[in-house]
Amino acid sequence: MDDALIVTIYVVIDDTMKALEHRSHCLSSLSDAEILTIAVLAARYYGNHHARAVGQLTGTAYFPRVISPSRVYGKIKQAHAHI
């Protein structure tokens, strides 16, 4: 996995969410942009297997806080409802 690609995906998602005036919930351990970045990386590198992606990506320098795969899936469903 290319570090520059991870950063680019995050920046594009984060900037888009800011342009749409989206705000993450104040009690969330990860921002919505971080969660959607994990979802994009899951689709790209893990065959859309979110649990495997979460296990590999959380706890790294890019996603230091741990999150459950069900949280990622829930956020994907919420984002899909807004599109």
N, C-alpha and C. Protein backbone atom coordinates (compact mmCIF):
# COMPACT_ATOMS: atom_id res chain seq x y z
N MET A 1 0.85 -1.16 0.00
CA MET A 1 0.00 0.00 0.00
C MET A 1 0.90 1.23 0.00
N ASP A 2 0.60 2.15 -0.86
CA ASP A 2 1.42 3.34 -1.04
C ASP A 2 1.00 4.43 -0.05
N ASP A 3 1.97 4.95 0.71
CA ASP A 3 1.68 5.98 1.71
C ASP A 3 1.06 7.23 1.08
N ALA A 4 1.57 7.63 -0.07
CA ALA A 4 1.06 8.83 -0.74
C ALA A 4 -0.41 8.63 -1.14
N LEU A 5 -0.77 7.42 -1.53
CA LEU A 5 -2.16 7.15 -1.91
C LEU A 5 -3.08 7.25 -0.71
N ILE A 6 -2.65 6.73 0.43
CA ILE A 6 -3.48 6.81 1.64
C ILE A 6 -3.73 8.28 2.01
N VAL A 7 -2.68 9.06 1.99
CA VAL A 7 -2.81 10.48 2.34
C VAL A 7 -3.69 11.21 1.32
N THR A 8 -3.50 10.92 0.05
CA THR A 8 -4.29 11.57 -1.00
C THR A 8 -5.77 11.24 -0.86
N ILE A 9 -6.08 9.97 -0.63
CA ILE A 9 -7.48 9.57 -0.45
C ILE A 9 -8.09 10.30 0.73
N TYR A 10 -7.36 10.35 1.84
CA TYR A 10 -7.88 11.04 3.02
C TYR A 10 -8.12 12.52 2.75
N VAL A 11 -7.16 13.18 2.12
CA VAL A 11 -7.28 14.62 1.87
C VAL A 11 -8.47 14.92 0.96
N VAL A 12 -8.64 14.12 -0.09
CA VAL A 12 -9.77 14.33 -1.00
C VAL A 12 -11.10 14.16 -0.26
N ILE A 13 -11.21 13.10 0.53
CA ILE A 13 -12.45 12.87 1.28
C ILE A 13 -12.68 13.98 2.30
N ASP A 14 -11.64 14.34 3.04
CA ASP A 14 -11.77 15.37 4.07
C ASP A 14 -12.14 16.72 3.46
N ASP A 15 -11.48 17.11 2.39
CA ASP A 15 -11.79 18.38 1.72
C ASP A 15 -13.20 18.39 1.16
N THR A 16 -13.63 17.27 0.62
CA THR A 16 -14.99 17.18 0.08
C THR A 16 -16.01 17.31 1.20
N MET A 17 -15.76 16.65 2.31
CA MET A 17 -16.68 16.74 3.44
C MET A 17 -16.73 18.16 4.01
N LYS A 18 -15.59 18.83 4.05
CA LYS A 18 -15.57 20.22 4.51
C LYS A 18 -16.33 21.12 3.56
N ALA A 19 -16.17 20.90 2.24
CA ALA A 19 -16.88 21.71 1.24
C ALA A 19 -18.39 21.52 1.36
N LEU A 20 -18.80 20.32 1.77
CA LEU A 20 -20.23 20.04 1.97
C LEU A 20 -20.71 20.43 3.37
N GLU A 21 -19.80 21.06 4.14
CA GLU A 21 -20.06 21.51 5.51
C GLU A 21 -20.48 20.37 6.43
N HIS A 22 -19.88 19.21 6.22
CA HIS A 22 -20.13 18.05 7.07
C HIS A 22 -19.23 18.12 8.30
N ARG A 23 -19.80 17.78 9.44
CA ARG A 23 -19.02 17.73 10.68
C ARG A 23 -19.18 16.37 11.32
N SER A 24 -18.09 15.79 11.75
CA SER A 24 -18.13 14.52 12.46
C SER A 24 -18.69 14.72 13.86
N HIS A 25 -19.25 13.69 14.41
CA HIS A 25 -19.78 13.76 15.77
C HIS A 25 -18.64 14.01 16.74
N CYS A 26 -18.88 14.87 17.71
CA CYS A 26 -17.81 15.27 18.63
C CYS A 26 -17.29 14.12 19.50
N LEU A 27 -18.06 13.06 19.69
CA LEU A 27 -17.63 11.94 20.53
C LEU A 27 -16.99 10.81 19.73
N SER A 28 -16.90 10.96 18.42
CA SER A 28 -16.32 9.90 17.58
C SER A 28 -14.83 9.78 17.84
N SER A 29 -14.35 8.54 17.88
CA SER A 29 -12.91 8.33 18.08
C SER A 29 -12.14 8.59 16.79
N LEU A 30 -12.77 8.36 15.65
CA LEU A 30 -12.18 8.67 14.34
C LEU A 30 -13.12 9.61 13.60
N SER A 31 -12.55 10.48 12.79
CA SER A 31 -13.40 11.37 12.00
C SER A 31 -14.10 10.56 10.91
N ASP A 32 -15.17 11.12 10.38
CA ASP A 32 -15.88 10.45 9.30
C ASP A 32 -14.97 10.31 8.07
N ALA A 33 -14.09 11.28 7.85
CA ALA A 33 -13.15 11.19 6.72
C ALA A 33 -12.19 10.02 6.91
N GLU A 34 -11.74 9.79 8.14
CA GLU A 34 -10.86 8.65 8.41
C GLU A 34 -11.60 7.33 8.18
N ILE A 35 -12.84 7.26 8.62
CA ILE A 35 -13.62 6.03 8.46
C ILE A 35 -13.88 5.76 6.97
N LEU A 36 -14.24 6.78 6.23
CA LEU A 36 -14.47 6.58 4.79
C LEU A 36 -13.17 6.26 4.05
N THR A 37 -12.06 6.78 4.53
CA THR A 37 -10.77 6.42 3.94
C THR A 37 -10.50 4.93 4.14
N ILE A 38 -10.78 4.43 5.33
CA ILE A 38 -10.62 2.99 5.58
C ILE A 38 -11.53 2.20 4.65
N ALA A 39 -12.75 2.68 4.43
CA ALA A 39 -13.68 1.98 3.53
C ALA A 39 -13.16 1.97 2.09
N VAL A 40 -12.59 3.06 1.64
CA VAL A 40 -12.03 3.11 0.28
C VAL A 40 -10.83 2.17 0.17
N LEU A 41 -9.99 2.18 1.18
CA LEU A 41 -8.83 1.28 1.17
C LEU A 41 -9.27 -0.19 1.24
N ALA A 42 -10.35 -0.45 1.97
CA ALA A 42 -10.88 -1.82 2.02
C ALA A 42 -11.33 -2.26 0.64
N ALA A 43 -11.98 -1.37 -0.07
CA ALA A 43 -12.43 -1.71 -1.43
C ALA A 43 -11.25 -1.91 -2.37
N ARG A 44 -10.23 -1.11 -2.21
CA ARG A 44 -9.08 -1.15 -3.13
C ARG A 44 -8.14 -2.32 -2.85
N TYR A 45 -7.85 -2.57 -1.58
CA TYR A 45 -6.80 -3.54 -1.24
C TYR A 45 -7.27 -4.81 -0.55
N TYR A 46 -8.49 -4.81 -0.03
CA TYR A 46 -8.94 -5.95 0.77
C TYR A 46 -10.22 -6.59 0.22
N GLY A 47 -10.49 -6.40 -1.05
CA GLY A 47 -11.67 -7.01 -1.65
C GLY A 47 -12.96 -6.61 -0.98
N ASN A 48 -13.03 -5.37 -0.50
CA ASN A 48 -14.19 -4.81 0.18
C ASN A 48 -14.47 -5.52 1.52
N HIS A 49 -13.46 -6.14 2.08
CA HIS A 49 -13.60 -6.83 3.37
C HIS A 49 -13.20 -5.86 4.47
N HIS A 50 -14.21 -5.18 5.05
CA HIS A 50 -13.96 -4.11 6.00
C HIS A 50 -13.28 -4.59 7.28
N ALA A 51 -13.66 -5.76 7.78
CA ALA A 51 -13.07 -6.25 9.03
C ALA A 51 -11.57 -6.47 8.86
N ARG A 52 -11.16 -7.02 7.73
CA ARG A 52 -9.74 -7.24 7.48
C ARG A 52 -9.00 -5.90 7.37
N ALA A 53 -9.62 -4.95 6.68
CA ALA A 53 -8.99 -3.63 6.51
C ALA A 53 -8.84 -2.93 7.86
N VAL A 54 -9.89 -2.99 8.67
CA VAL A 54 -9.83 -2.36 9.99
C VAL A 54 -8.73 -2.99 10.83
N GLY A 55 -8.64 -4.31 10.80
CA GLY A 55 -7.61 -5.01 11.56
C GLY A 55 -6.20 -4.64 11.14
N GLN A 56 -6.00 -4.42 9.86
CA GLN A 56 -4.68 -4.08 9.34
C GLN A 56 -4.34 -2.60 9.48
N LEU A 57 -5.35 -1.72 9.37
CA LEU A 57 -5.08 -0.29 9.29
C LEU A 57 -5.14 0.44 10.63
N THR A 58 -6.06 0.05 11.51
CA THR A 58 -6.13 0.77 12.78
C THR A 58 -4.94 0.37 13.65
N GLY A 59 -4.50 1.32 14.41
CA GLY A 59 -3.32 1.10 15.23
C GLY A 59 -2.03 1.43 14.50
N THR A 60 -2.14 1.93 13.27
CA THR A 60 -0.97 2.35 12.50
C THR A 60 -0.77 3.85 12.66
N ALA A 61 0.27 4.37 12.05
CA ALA A 61 0.54 5.81 12.12
C ALA A 61 -0.60 6.62 11.50
N TYR A 62 -1.27 6.06 10.50
CA TYR A 62 -2.34 6.79 9.82
C TYR A 62 -3.65 6.75 10.59
N PHE A 63 -3.95 5.64 11.23
CA PHE A 63 -5.18 5.45 11.99
C PHE A 63 -4.83 4.89 13.37
N PRO A 64 -4.32 5.73 14.27
CA PRO A 64 -3.80 5.23 15.54
C PRO A 64 -4.87 4.71 16.50
N ARG A 65 -6.09 5.21 16.39
CA ARG A 65 -7.16 4.75 17.28
C ARG A 65 -7.86 3.55 16.67
N VAL A 66 -8.22 2.61 17.51
CA VAL A 66 -8.87 1.37 17.06
C VAL A 66 -10.37 1.60 16.94
N ILE A 67 -10.97 1.02 15.91
CA ILE A 67 -12.41 1.13 15.67
C ILE A 67 -12.93 -0.24 15.26
N SER A 68 -14.18 -0.50 15.53
CA SER A 68 -14.75 -1.80 15.18
C SER A 68 -15.19 -1.80 13.71
N PRO A 69 -15.14 -2.95 13.06
CA PRO A 69 -15.61 -3.04 11.67
C PRO A 69 -17.08 -2.64 11.52
N SER A 70 -17.89 -2.90 12.53
CA SER A 70 -19.31 -2.53 12.44
C SER A 70 -19.48 -1.02 12.41
N ARG A 71 -18.60 -0.30 13.07
CA ARG A 71 -18.65 1.18 13.03
C ARG A 71 -18.34 1.68 11.63
N VAL A 72 -17.36 1.08 10.99
CA VAL A 72 -17.02 1.46 9.61
C VAL A 72 -18.22 1.19 8.70
N TYR A 73 -18.81 0.01 8.83
CA TYR A 73 -19.95 -0.34 7.99
C TYR A 73 -21.13 0.60 8.24
N GLY A 74 -21.38 0.95 9.49
CA GLY A 74 -22.46 1.87 9.81
C GLY A 74 -22.25 3.24 9.19
N LYS A 75 -21.01 3.73 9.23
CA LYS A 75 -20.71 5.03 8.63
C LYS A 75 -20.86 4.99 7.11
N ILE A 76 -20.52 3.86 6.50
CA ILE A 76 -20.68 3.72 5.05
C ILE A 76 -22.17 3.82 4.71
N LYS A 77 -23.01 3.15 5.50
CA LYS A 77 -24.45 3.21 5.26
C LYS A 77 -24.97 4.63 5.44
N GLN A 78 -24.48 5.35 6.44
CA GLN A 78 -24.90 6.74 6.65
C GLN A 78 -24.47 7.63 5.49
N ALA A 79 -23.24 7.44 5.03
CA ALA A 79 -22.75 8.26 3.91
C ALA A 79 -23.55 7.96 2.64
N HIS A 80 -23.89 6.71 2.43
CA HIS A 80 -24.66 6.33 1.24
C HIS A 80 -26.04 6.99 1.28
N ALA A 81 -26.62 7.14 2.44
CA ALA A 81 -27.93 7.76 2.56
C ALA A 81 -27.88 9.25 2.20
N HIS A 82 -26.70 9.89 2.36
CA HIS A 82 -26.56 11.32 2.08
C HIS A 82 -26.18 11.61 0.64
N ILE A 83 -25.81 10.57 -0.09
CA ILE A 83 -25.34 10.80 -1.47
C ILE A 83 -26.51 10.91 -2.40
